[in-house]
Amino acid sequence: MELTYEQLRHKTLAELRDMAKGIEHEAVQGHTQMNKEQLVGALAKALGIQHEHHSVIGIDKSSIKSRIRELKTQREAAIAAHDRAQLKVVRRTIHRLKRRIHKATV
């Protein structure tokens, strides 16, 4: 049975270590000392499983992220000034920008 990267991520650490016992590959050497994240990556490399990263299409992600960072400083200022109206506006704007990135991710 061919495993995918997602299936590896959903296994428990004990199951992953049992899988690593039977594999002779340099990536899984020291598997008993690895945490789950490290072990999933090592097993994927040893088994030749490709992990596809998501990409954002149709928007400029870096400009949106920089705008979110600016808004976070405004949010902190609104919290310090106890300005609930401004705080609400800033939080909603951050939320909308994050949703825009999420919707453009494929």
PDB file of N, CA and C in Angstrom:
ATOM      1  N   MET A   1       0.829  -1.176   0.000  1.00  0.00           N
ATOM      2  CA  MET A   1       0.000   0.000   0.000  1.00  0.00           C
ATOM      3  C   MET A   1       0.879   1.248   0.000  1.00  0.00           C
ATOM      4  N   GLU A   2       0.647   2.126  -0.958  1.00  0.00           N
ATOM      5  CA  GLU A   2       1.388   3.373  -1.051  1.00  0.00           C
ATOM      6  C   GLU A   2       0.826   4.385  -0.059  1.00  0.00           C
ATOM      7  N   LEU A   3       1.702   4.990   0.682  1.00  0.00           N
ATOM      8  CA  LEU A   3       1.291   6.000   1.654  1.00  0.00           C
ATOM      9  C   LEU A   3       1.481   7.390   1.069  1.00  0.00           C
ATOM     10  N   THR A   4       0.666   8.308   1.510  1.00  0.00           N
ATOM     11  CA  THR A   4       0.844   9.698   1.139  1.00  0.00           C
ATOM     12  C   THR A   4       1.410  10.443   2.339  1.00  0.00           C
ATOM     13  N   TYR A   5       1.839  11.661   2.095  1.00  0.00           N
ATOM     14  CA  TYR A   5       2.387  12.484   3.164  1.00  0.00           C
ATOM     15  C   TYR A   5       1.335  12.739   4.243  1.00  0.00           C
ATOM     16  N   GLU A   6       0.099  12.974   3.812  1.00  0.00           N
ATOM     17  CA  GLU A   6      -0.985  13.228   4.770  1.00  0.00           C
ATOM     18  C   GLU A   6      -1.254  11.997   5.635  1.00  0.00           C
ATOM     19  N   GLN A   7      -1.198  10.814   5.044  1.00  0.00           N
ATOM     20  CA  GLN A   7      -1.418   9.596   5.826  1.00  0.00           C
ATOM     21  C   GLN A   7      -0.308   9.418   6.856  1.00  0.00           C
ATOM     22  N   LEU A   8       0.923   9.755   6.490  1.00  0.00           N
ATOM     23  CA  LEU A   8       2.020   9.681   7.458  1.00  0.00           C
ATOM     24  C   LEU A   8       1.786  10.647   8.614  1.00  0.00           C
ATOM     25  N   ARG A   9       1.327  11.852   8.300  1.00  0.00           N
ATOM     26  CA  ARG A   9       1.098  12.852   9.344  1.00  0.00           C
ATOM     27  C   ARG A   9       0.022  12.414  10.332  1.00  0.00           C
ATOM     28  N   HIS A  10      -0.939  11.604   9.897  1.00  0.00           N
ATOM     29  CA  HIS A  10      -2.035  11.199  10.770  1.00  0.00           C
ATOM     30  C   HIS A  10      -1.717   9.960  11.606  1.00  0.00           C
ATOM     31  N   LYS A  11      -0.564   9.356  11.380  1.00  0.00           N
ATOM     32  CA  LYS A  11      -0.178   8.206  12.192  1.00  0.00           C
ATOM     33  C   LYS A  11       0.397   8.682  13.523  1.00  0.00           C
ATOM     34  N   THR A  12       0.351   7.805  14.520  1.00  0.00           N
ATOM     35  CA  THR A  12       0.913   8.143  15.822  1.00  0.00           C
ATOM     36  C   THR A  12       2.431   7.987  15.780  1.00  0.00           C
ATOM     37  N   LEU A  13       3.092   8.554  16.752  1.00  0.00           N
ATOM     38  CA  LEU A  13       4.547   8.470  16.815  1.00  0.00           C
ATOM     39  C   LEU A  13       5.001   7.019  16.942  1.00  0.00           C
ATOM     40  N   ALA A  14       4.276   6.224  17.714  1.00  0.00           N
ATOM     41  CA  ALA A  14       4.630   4.811  17.878  1.00  0.00           C
ATOM     42  C   ALA A  14       4.526   4.071  16.542  1.00  0.00           C
ATOM     43  N   GLU A  15       3.474   4.346  15.778  1.00  0.00           N
ATOM     44  CA  GLU A  15       3.322   3.699  14.468  1.00  0.00           C
ATOM     45  C   GLU A  15       4.441   4.118  13.520  1.00  0.00           C
ATOM     46  N   LEU A  16       4.811   5.381  13.558  1.00  0.00           N
ATOM     47  CA  LEU A  16       5.886   5.870  12.699  1.00  0.00           C
ATOM     48  C   LEU A  16       7.223   5.234  13.067  1.00  0.00           C
ATOM     49  N   ARG A  17       7.479   5.082  14.355  1.00  0.00           N
ATOM     50  CA  ARG A  17       8.735   4.452  14.786  1.00  0.00           C
ATOM     51  C   ARG A  17       8.770   2.979  14.400  1.00  0.00           C
ATOM     52  N   ASP A  18       7.614   2.294  14.454  1.00  0.00           N
ATOM     53  CA  ASP A  18       7.559   0.905  14.010  1.00  0.00           C
ATOM     54  C   ASP A  18       7.863   0.799  12.524  1.00  0.00           C
ATOM     55  N   MET A  19       7.347   1.750  11.748  1.00  0.00           N
ATOM     56  CA  MET A  19       7.631   1.753  10.309  1.00  0.00           C
ATOM     57  C   MET A  19       9.117   1.984  10.053  1.00  0.00           C
ATOM     58  N   ALA A  20       9.711   2.889  10.827  1.00  0.00           N
ATOM     59  CA  ALA A  20      11.114   3.257  10.625  1.00  0.00           C
ATOM     60  C   ALA A  20      12.062   2.116  10.988  1.00  0.00           C
ATOM     61  N   LYS A  21      11.627   1.225  11.894  1.00  0.00           N
ATOM     62  CA  LYS A  21      12.484   0.089  12.285  1.00  0.00           C
ATOM     63  C   LYS A  21      12.860  -0.772  11.096  1.00  0.00           C
ATOM     64  N   GLY A  22      11.901  -0.987  10.200  1.00  0.00           N
ATOM     65  CA  GLY A  22      12.137  -1.887   9.078  1.00  0.00           C
ATOM     66  C   GLY A  22      12.775  -1.241   7.868  1.00  0.00           C
ATOM     67  N   ILE A  23      13.104   0.035   7.928  1.00  0.00           N
ATOM     68  CA  ILE A  23      13.653   0.731   6.771  1.00  0.00           C
ATOM     69  C   ILE A  23      15.134   1.002   6.984  1.00  0.00           C
ATOM     70  N   GLU A  24      15.927   0.568   6.019  1.00  0.00           N
ATOM     71  CA  GLU A  24      17.368   0.816   6.055  1.00  0.00           C
ATOM     72  C   GLU A  24      17.655   2.000   5.143  1.00  0.00           C
ATOM     73  N   HIS A  25      17.636   3.183   5.694  1.00  0.00           N
ATOM     74  CA  HIS A  25      17.910   4.392   4.935  1.00  0.00           C
ATOM     75  C   HIS A  25      18.564   5.387   5.876  1.00  0.00           C
ATOM     76  N   GLU A  26      19.482   6.178   5.342  1.00  0.00           N
ATOM     77  CA  GLU A  26      20.207   7.113   6.209  1.00  0.00           C
ATOM     78  C   GLU A  26      19.304   8.198   6.796  1.00  0.00           C
ATOM     79  N   ALA A  27      18.185   8.486   6.140  1.00  0.00           N
ATOM     80  CA  ALA A  27      17.281   9.525   6.631  1.00  0.00           C
ATOM     81  C   ALA A  27      16.604   9.120   7.944  1.00  0.00           C
ATOM     82  N   VAL A  28      16.400   7.819   8.163  1.00  0.00           N
ATOM     83  CA  VAL A  28      15.704   7.365   9.363  1.00  0.00           C
ATOM     84  C   VAL A  28      16.652   6.830  10.436  1.00  0.00           C
ATOM     85  N   GLN A  29      17.943   7.058  10.263  1.00  0.00           N
ATOM     86  CA  GLN A  29      18.872   6.663  11.316  1.00  0.00           C
ATOM     87  C   GLN A  29      18.608   7.513  12.548  1.00  0.00           C
ATOM     88  N   GLY A  30      18.565   6.901  13.692  1.00  0.00           N
ATOM     89  CA  GLY A  30      18.279   7.599  14.935  1.00  0.00           C
ATOM     90  C   GLY A  30      16.805   7.915  15.102  1.00  0.00           C
ATOM     91  N   HIS A  31      15.950   7.097  14.500  1.00  0.00           N
ATOM     92  CA  HIS A  31      14.510   7.347  14.525  1.00  0.00           C
ATOM     93  C   HIS A  31      13.925   7.333  15.928  1.00  0.00           C
ATOM     94  N   THR A  32      14.591   6.659  16.857  1.00  0.00           N
ATOM     95  CA  THR A  32      14.061   6.609  18.220  1.00  0.00           C
ATOM     96  C   THR A  32      14.210   7.950  18.939  1.00  0.00           C
ATOM     97  N   GLN A  33      15.115   8.794  18.452  1.00  0.00           N
ATOM     98  CA  GLN A  33      15.353  10.096  19.073  1.00  0.00           C
ATOM     99  C   GLN A  33      14.612  11.232  18.384  1.00  0.00           C
ATOM    100  N   MET A  34      13.949  10.939  17.268  1.00  0.00           N
ATOM    101  CA  MET A  34      13.261  11.991  16.503  1.00  0.00           C
ATOM    102  C   MET A  34      11.870  12.259  17.064  1.00  0.00           C
ATOM    103  N   ASN A  35      11.439  13.520  16.918  1.00  0.00           N
ATOM    104  CA  ASN A  35      10.056  13.820  17.246  1.00  0.00           C
ATOM    105  C   ASN A  35       9.195  13.516  16.015  1.00  0.00           C
ATOM    106  N   LYS A  36       7.904  13.668  16.136  1.00  0.00           N
ATOM    107  CA  LYS A  36       6.996  13.248  15.075  1.00  0.00           C
ATOM    108  C   LYS A  36       7.249  14.016  13.779  1.00  0.00           C
ATOM    109  N   GLU A  37       7.411  15.308  13.867  1.00  0.00           N
ATOM    110  CA  GLU A  37       7.615  16.121  12.672  1.00  0.00           C
ATOM    111  C   GLU A  37       8.870  15.704  11.916  1.00  0.00           C
ATOM    112  N   GLN A  38       9.946  15.480  12.641  1.00  0.00           N
ATOM    113  CA  GLN A  38      11.196  15.044  12.029  1.00  0.00           C
ATOM    114  C   GLN A  38      11.049  13.656  11.415  1.00  0.00           C
ATOM    115  N   LEU A  39      10.363  12.778  12.119  1.00  0.00           N
ATOM    116  CA  LEU A  39      10.210  11.410  11.660  1.00  0.00           C
ATOM    117  C   LEU A  39       9.343  11.319  10.408  1.00  0.00           C
ATOM    118  N   VAL A  40       8.296  12.124  10.335  1.00  0.00           N
ATOM    119  CA  VAL A  40       7.445  12.133   9.138  1.00  0.00           C
ATOM    120  C   VAL A  40       8.267  12.573   7.932  1.00  0.00           C
ATOM    121  N   GLY A  41       9.067  13.617   8.092  1.00  0.00           N
ATOM    122  CA  GLY A  41       9.917  14.082   6.999  1.00  0.00           C
ATOM    123  C   GLY A  41      10.945  13.051   6.581  1.00  0.00           C
ATOM    124  N   ALA A  42      11.550  12.385   7.563  1.00  0.00           N
ATOM    125  CA  ALA A  42      12.558  11.367   7.261  1.00  0.00           C
ATOM    126  C   ALA A  42      11.935  10.164   6.560  1.00  0.00           C
ATOM    127  N   LEU A  43      10.776   9.721   7.031  1.00  0.00           N
ATOM    128  CA  LEU A  43      10.099   8.591   6.384  1.00  0.00           C
ATOM    129  C   LEU A  43       9.664   8.943   4.968  1.00  0.00           C
ATOM    130  N   ALA A  44       9.181  10.150   4.772  1.00  0.00           N
ATOM    131  CA  ALA A  44       8.779  10.578   3.436  1.00  0.00           C
ATOM    132  C   ALA A  44       9.978  10.562   2.495  1.00  0.00           C
ATOM    133  N   LYS A  45      11.112  11.005   2.980  1.00  0.00           N
ATOM    134  CA  LYS A  45      12.325  11.004   2.162  1.00  0.00           C
ATOM    135  C   LYS A  45      12.771   9.569   1.866  1.00  0.00           C
ATOM    136  N   ALA A  46      12.740   8.709   2.888  1.00  0.00           N
ATOM    137  CA  ALA A  46      13.173   7.321   2.715  1.00  0.00           C
ATOM    138  C   ALA A  46      12.244   6.542   1.784  1.00  0.00           C
ATOM    139  N   LEU A  47      10.949   6.828   1.834  1.00  0.00           N
ATOM    140  CA  LEU A  47       9.985   6.115   1.011  1.00  0.00           C
ATOM    141  C   LEU A  47       9.750   6.779  -0.335  1.00  0.00           C
ATOM    142  N   GLY A  48      10.378   7.924  -0.573  1.00  0.00           N
ATOM    143  CA  GLY A  48      10.229   8.618  -1.845  1.00  0.00           C
ATOM    144  C   GLY A  48       8.880   9.298  -2.016  1.00  0.00           C
ATOM    145  N   ILE A  49       8.294   9.728  -0.906  1.00  0.00           N
ATOM    146  CA  ILE A  49       6.988  10.391  -0.956  1.00  0.00           C
ATOM    147  C   ILE A  49       7.210  11.882  -1.145  1.00  0.00           C
ATOM    148  N   GLN A  50       6.573  12.444  -2.158  1.00  0.00           N
ATOM    149  CA  GLN A  50       6.685  13.875  -2.434  1.00  0.00           C
ATOM    150  C   GLN A  50       5.639  14.637  -1.619  1.00  0.00           C
ATOM    151  N   HIS A  51       6.061  15.737  -1.044  1.00  0.00           N
ATOM    152  CA  HIS A  51       5.141  16.591  -0.295  1.00  0.00           C
ATOM    153  C   HIS A  51       4.918  17.844  -1.115  1.00  0.00           C
ATOM    154  N   GLU A  52       3.679  18.066  -1.544  1.00  0.00           N
ATOM    155  CA  GLU A  52       3.363  19.230  -2.346  1.00  0.00           C
ATOM    156  C   GLU A  52       2.956  20.382  -1.447  1.00  0.00           C
ATOM    157  N   HIS A  53       3.600  21.502  -1.650  1.00  0.00           N
ATOM    158  CA  HIS A  53       3.263  22.697  -0.893  1.00  0.00           C
ATOM    159  C   HIS A  53       2.157  23.439  -1.620  1.00  0.00           C
ATOM    160  N   HIS A  54       1.334  24.119  -0.867  1.00  0.00           N
ATOM    161  CA  HIS A  54       0.269  24.905  -1.457  1.00  0.00           C
ATOM    162  C   HIS A  54       0.845  26.206  -1.998  1.00  0.00           C
ATOM    163  N   SER A  55       0.224  26.721  -3.032  1.00  0.00           N
ATOM    164  CA  SER A  55       0.670  28.002  -3.566  1.00  0.00           C
ATOM    165  C   SER A  55      -0.516  28.946  -3.675  1.00  0.00           C
ATOM    166  N   VAL A  56      -0.205  30.223  -3.624  1.00  0.00           N
ATOM    167  CA  VAL A  56      -1.237  31.255  -3.697  1.00  0.00           C
ATOM    168  C   VAL A  56      -1.240  31.798  -5.116  1.00  0.00           C
ATOM    169  N   ILE A  57      -2.418  31.795  -5.731  1.00  0.00           N
ATOM    170  CA  ILE A  57      -2.540  32.219  -7.122  1.00  0.00           C
ATOM    171  C   ILE A  57      -3.503  33.390  -7.225  1.00  0.00           C
ATOM    172  N   GLY A  58      -3.112  34.404  -7.994  1.00  0.00           N
ATOM    173  CA  GLY A  58      -4.010  35.500  -8.305  1.00  0.00           C
ATOM    174  C   GLY A  58      -3.895  36.727  -7.422  1.00  0.00           C
ATOM    175  N   ILE A  59      -3.119  36.670  -6.337  1.00  0.00           N
ATOM    176  CA  ILE A  59      -2.960  37.830  -5.457  1.00  0.00           C
ATOM    177  C   ILE A  59      -1.488  37.974  -5.092  1.00  0.00           C
ATOM    178  N   ASP A  60      -1.134  39.130  -4.593  1.00  0.00           N
ATOM    179  CA  ASP A  60       0.225  39.382  -4.130  1.00  0.00           C
ATOM    180  C   ASP A  60       0.283  39.097  -2.631  1.00  0.00           C
ATOM    181  N   LYS A  61       0.691  37.889  -2.286  1.00  0.00           N
ATOM    182  CA  LYS A  61       0.668  37.446  -0.894  1.00  0.00           C
ATOM    183  C   LYS A  61       1.583  38.299  -0.013  1.00  0.00           C
ATOM    184  N   SER A  62       2.748  38.662  -0.509  1.00  0.00           N
ATOM    185  CA  SER A  62       3.694  39.401   0.328  1.00  0.00           C
ATOM    186  C   SER A  62       3.157  40.788   0.690  1.00  0.00           C
ATOM    187  N   SER A  63       2.462  41.452  -0.217  1.00  0.00           N
ATOM    188  CA  SER A  63       1.912  42.769   0.121  1.00  0.00           C
ATOM    189  C   SER A  63       0.775  42.638   1.137  1.00  0.00           C
ATOM    190  N   ILE A  64      -0.032  41.587   1.010  1.00  0.00           N
ATOM    191  CA  ILE A  64      -1.108  41.370   1.974  1.00  0.00           C
ATOM    192  C   ILE A  64      -0.534  41.066   3.353  1.00  0.00           C
ATOM    193  N   LYS A  65       0.522  40.245   3.395  1.00  0.00           N
ATOM    194  CA  LYS A  65       1.149  39.915   4.673  1.00  0.00           C
ATOM    195  C   LYS A  65       1.768  41.160   5.314  1.00  0.00           C
ATOM    196  N   SER A  66       2.374  42.031   4.517  1.00  0.00           N
ATOM    197  CA  SER A  66       2.939  43.254   5.092  1.00  0.00           C
ATOM    198  C   SER A  66       1.825  44.158   5.612  1.00  0.00           C
ATOM    199  N   ARG A  67       0.690  44.210   4.917  1.00  0.00           N
ATOM    200  CA  ARG A  67      -0.465  44.987   5.387  1.00  0.00           C
ATOM    201  C   ARG A  67      -0.988  44.426   6.714  1.00  0.00           C
ATOM    202  N   ILE A  68      -1.010  43.095   6.843  1.00  0.00           N
ATOM    203  CA  ILE A  68      -1.445  42.458   8.092  1.00  0.00           C
ATOM    204  C   ILE A  68      -0.507  42.836   9.235  1.00  0.00           C
ATOM    205  N   ARG A  69       0.797  42.867   8.960  1.00  0.00           N
ATOM    206  CA  ARG A  69       1.755  43.259  10.000  1.00  0.00           C
ATOM    207  C   ARG A  69       1.524  44.705  10.454  1.00  0.00           C
ATOM    208  N   GLU A  70       1.234  45.595   9.500  1.00  0.00           N
ATOM    209  CA  GLU A  70       0.925  46.989   9.851  1.00  0.00           C
ATOM    210  C   GLU A  70      -0.329  47.054  10.719  1.00  0.00           C
ATOM    211  N   LEU A  71      -1.333  46.294  10.340  1.00  0.00           N
ATOM    212  CA  LEU A  71      -2.588  46.292  11.089  1.00  0.00           C
ATOM    213  C   LEU A  71      -2.405  45.743  12.499  1.00  0.00           C
ATOM    214  N   LYS A  72      -1.503  44.797  12.654  1.00  0.00           N
ATOM    215  CA  LYS A  72      -1.255  44.250  13.989  1.00  0.00           C
ATOM    216  C   LYS A  72      -0.672  45.311  14.919  1.00  0.00           C
ATOM    217  N   THR A  73       0.174  46.192  14.387  1.00  0.00           N
ATOM    218  CA  THR A  73       0.682  47.280  15.233  1.00  0.00           C
ATOM    219  C   THR A  73      -0.448  48.246  15.573  1.00  0.00           C
ATOM    220  N   GLN A  74      -1.347  48.491  14.616  1.00  0.00           N
ATOM    221  CA  GLN A  74      -2.517  49.333  14.894  1.00  0.00           C
ATOM    222  C   GLN A  74      -3.426  48.681  15.932  1.00  0.00           C
ATOM    223  N   ARG A  75      -3.534  47.367  15.854  1.00  0.00           N
ATOM    224  CA  ARG A  75      -4.352  46.632  16.828  1.00  0.00           C
ATOM    225  C   ARG A  75      -3.784  46.804  18.235  1.00  0.00           C
ATOM    226  N   GLU A  76      -2.474  46.678  18.361  1.00  0.00           N
ATOM    227  CA  GLU A  76      -1.835  46.856  19.665  1.00  0.00           C
ATOM    228  C   GLU A  76      -2.061  48.267  20.194  1.00  0.00           C
ATOM    229  N   ALA A  77      -1.990  49.258  19.309  1.00  0.00           N
ATOM    230  CA  ALA A  77      -2.229  50.641  19.728  1.00  0.00           C
ATOM    231  C   ALA A  77      -3.675  50.827  20.180  1.00  0.00           C
ATOM    232  N   ALA A  78      -4.609  50.211  19.482  1.00  0.00           N
ATOM    233  CA  ALA A  78      -6.023  50.323  19.850  1.00  0.00           C
ATOM    234  C   ALA A  78      -6.288  49.643  21.190  1.00  0.00           C
ATOM    235  N   ILE A  79      -5.616  48.544  21.430  1.00  0.00           N
ATOM    236  CA  ILE A  79      -5.763  47.858  22.721  1.00  0.00           C
ATOM    237  C   ILE A  79      -5.228  48.741  23.843  1.00  0.00           C
ATOM    238  N   ALA A  80      -4.073  49.346  23.604  1.00  0.00           N
ATOM    239  CA  ALA A  80      -3.472  50.204  24.624  1.00  0.00           C
ATOM    240  C   ALA A  80      -4.332  51.438  24.895  1.00  0.00           C
ATOM    241  N   ALA A  81      -4.994  51.962  23.855  1.00  0.00           N
ATOM    242  CA  ALA A  81      -5.820  53.154  24.003  1.00  0.00           C
ATOM    243  C   ALA A  81      -7.244  52.833  24.434  1.00  0.00           C
ATOM    244  N   HIS A  82      -7.573  51.561  24.568  1.00  0.00           N
ATOM    245  CA  HIS A  82      -8.915  51.105  24.941  1.00  0.00           C
ATOM    246  C   HIS A  82      -9.979  51.614  23.956  1.00  0.00           C
ATOM    247  N   ASP A  83      -9.601  51.647  22.679  1.00  0.00           N
ATOM    248  CA  ASP A  83     -10.504  52.117  21.621  1.00  0.00           C
ATOM    249  C   ASP A  83     -11.171  50.892  20.990  1.00  0.00           C
ATOM    250  N   ARG A  84     -12.333  50.524  21.498  1.00  0.00           N
ATOM    251  CA  ARG A  84     -13.018  49.316  21.041  1.00  0.00           C
ATOM    252  C   ARG A  84     -13.486  49.407  19.589  1.00  0.00           C
ATOM    253  N   ALA A  85     -13.922  50.561  19.165  1.00  0.00           N
ATOM    254  CA  ALA A  85     -14.408  50.714  17.788  1.00  0.00           C
ATOM    255  C   ALA A  85     -13.271  50.496  16.792  1.00  0.00           C
ATOM    256  N   GLN A  86     -12.134  51.137  17.046  1.00  0.00           N
ATOM    257  CA  GLN A  86     -10.981  50.969  16.158  1.00  0.00           C
ATOM    258  C   GLN A  86     -10.471  49.537  16.219  1.00  0.00           C
ATOM    259  N   LEU A  87     -10.482  48.949  17.382  1.00  0.00           N
ATOM    260  CA  LEU A  87     -10.036  47.569  17.546  1.00  0.00           C
ATOM    261  C   LEU A  87     -10.882  46.616  16.706  1.00  0.00           C
ATOM    262  N   LYS A  88     -12.174  46.829  16.715  1.00  0.00           N
ATOM    263  CA  LYS A  88     -13.072  45.981  15.930  1.00  0.00           C
ATOM    264  C   LYS A  88     -12.790  46.118  14.436  1.00  0.00           C
ATOM    265  N   VAL A  89     -12.586  47.348  13.983  1.00  0.00           N
ATOM    266  CA  VAL A  89     -12.307  47.581  12.563  1.00  0.00           C
ATOM    267  C   VAL A  89     -11.013  46.893  12.150  1.00  0.00           C
ATOM    268  N   VAL A  90      -9.975  47.044  12.968  1.00  0.00           N
ATOM    269  CA  VAL A  90      -8.674  46.459  12.639  1.00  0.00           C
ATOM    270  C   VAL A  90      -8.749  44.937  12.641  1.00  0.00           C
ATOM    271  N   ARG A  91      -9.411  44.357  13.625  1.00  0.00           N
ATOM    272  CA  ARG A  91      -9.524  42.896  13.684  1.00  0.00           C
ATOM    273  C   ARG A  91     -10.277  42.351  12.487  1.00  0.00           C
ATOM    274  N   ARG A  92     -11.356  42.993  12.092  1.00  0.00           N
ATOM    275  CA  ARG A  92     -12.129  42.540  10.922  1.00  0.00           C
ATOM    276  C   ARG A  92     -11.306  42.642   9.649  1.00  0.00           C
ATOM    277  N   THR A  93     -10.515  43.713   9.534  1.00  0.00           N
ATOM    278  CA  THR A  93      -9.677  43.883   8.347  1.00  0.00           C
ATOM    279  C   THR A  93      -8.613  42.792   8.276  1.00  0.00           C
ATOM    280  N   ILE A  94      -7.991  42.497   9.401  1.00  0.00           N
ATOM    281  CA  ILE A  94      -7.001  41.410   9.441  1.00  0.00           C
ATOM    282  C   ILE A  94      -7.663  40.100   9.040  1.00  0.00           C
ATOM    283  N   HIS A  95      -8.838  39.846   9.587  1.00  0.00           N
ATOM    284  CA  HIS A  95      -9.561  38.610   9.279  1.00  0.00           C
ATOM    285  C   HIS A  95      -9.860  38.515   7.776  1.00  0.00           C
ATOM    286  N   ARG A  96     -10.332  39.598   7.196  1.00  0.00           N
ATOM    287  CA  ARG A  96     -10.666  39.588   5.761  1.00  0.00           C
ATOM    288  C   ARG A  96      -9.432  39.347   4.898  1.00  0.00           C
ATOM    289  N   LEU A  97      -8.315  39.955   5.274  1.00  0.00           N
ATOM    290  CA  LEU A  97      -7.083  39.750   4.506  1.00  0.00           C
ATOM    291  C   LEU A  97      -6.599  38.305   4.600  1.00  0.00           C
ATOM    292  N   LYS A  98      -6.685  37.729   5.790  1.00  0.00           N
ATOM    293  CA  LYS A  98      -6.286  36.331   5.946  1.00  0.00           C
ATOM    294  C   LYS A  98      -7.193  35.406   5.150  1.00  0.00           C
ATOM    295  N   ARG A  99      -8.481  35.702   5.124  1.00  0.00           N
ATOM    296  CA  ARG A  99      -9.422  34.899   4.335  1.00  0.00           C
ATOM    297  C   ARG A  99      -9.126  35.027   2.842  1.00  0.00           C
ATOM    298  N   ARG A 100      -8.712  36.223   2.405  1.00  0.00           N
ATOM    299  CA  ARG A 100      -8.374  36.409   0.991  1.00  0.00           C
ATOM    300  C   ARG A 100      -7.191  35.516   0.602  1.00  0.00           C
ATOM    301  N   ILE A 101      -6.183  35.457   1.482  1.00  0.00           N
ATOM    302  CA  ILE A 101      -5.041  34.576   1.219  1.00  0.00           C
ATOM    303  C   ILE A 101      -5.498  33.122   1.204  1.00  0.00           C
ATOM    304  N   HIS A 102      -6.311  32.759   2.173  1.00  0.00           N
ATOM    305  CA  HIS A 102      -6.785  31.372   2.271  1.00  0.00           C
ATOM    306  C   HIS A 102      -7.576  30.953   1.038  1.00  0.00           C
ATOM    307  N   LYS A 103      -8.433  31.835   0.539  1.00  0.00           N
ATOM    308  CA  LYS A 103      -9.253  31.506  -0.628  1.00  0.00           C
ATOM    309  C   LYS A 103      -8.422  31.406  -1.903  1.00  0.00           C
ATOM    310  N   ALA A 104      -7.299  32.109  -1.968  1.00  0.00           N
ATOM    311  CA  ALA A 104      -6.460  32.072  -3.162  1.00  0.00           C
ATOM    312  C   ALA A 104      -5.449  30.921  -3.136  1.00  0.00           C
ATOM    313  N   THR A 105      -5.430  30.175  -2.045  1.00  0.00           N
ATOM    314  CA  THR A 105      -4.493  29.064  -1.912  1.00  0.00           C
ATOM    315  C   THR A 105      -5.030  27.826  -2.602  1.00  0.00           C
ATOM    316  N   VAL A 106      -4.193  27.230  -3.450  1.00  0.00           N
ATOM    317  CA  VAL A 106      -4.575  25.988  -4.124  1.00  0.00           C
ATOM    318  C   VAL A 106      -3.559  24.913  -3.888  1.00  0.00           C
TER     319      VAL A 106
END
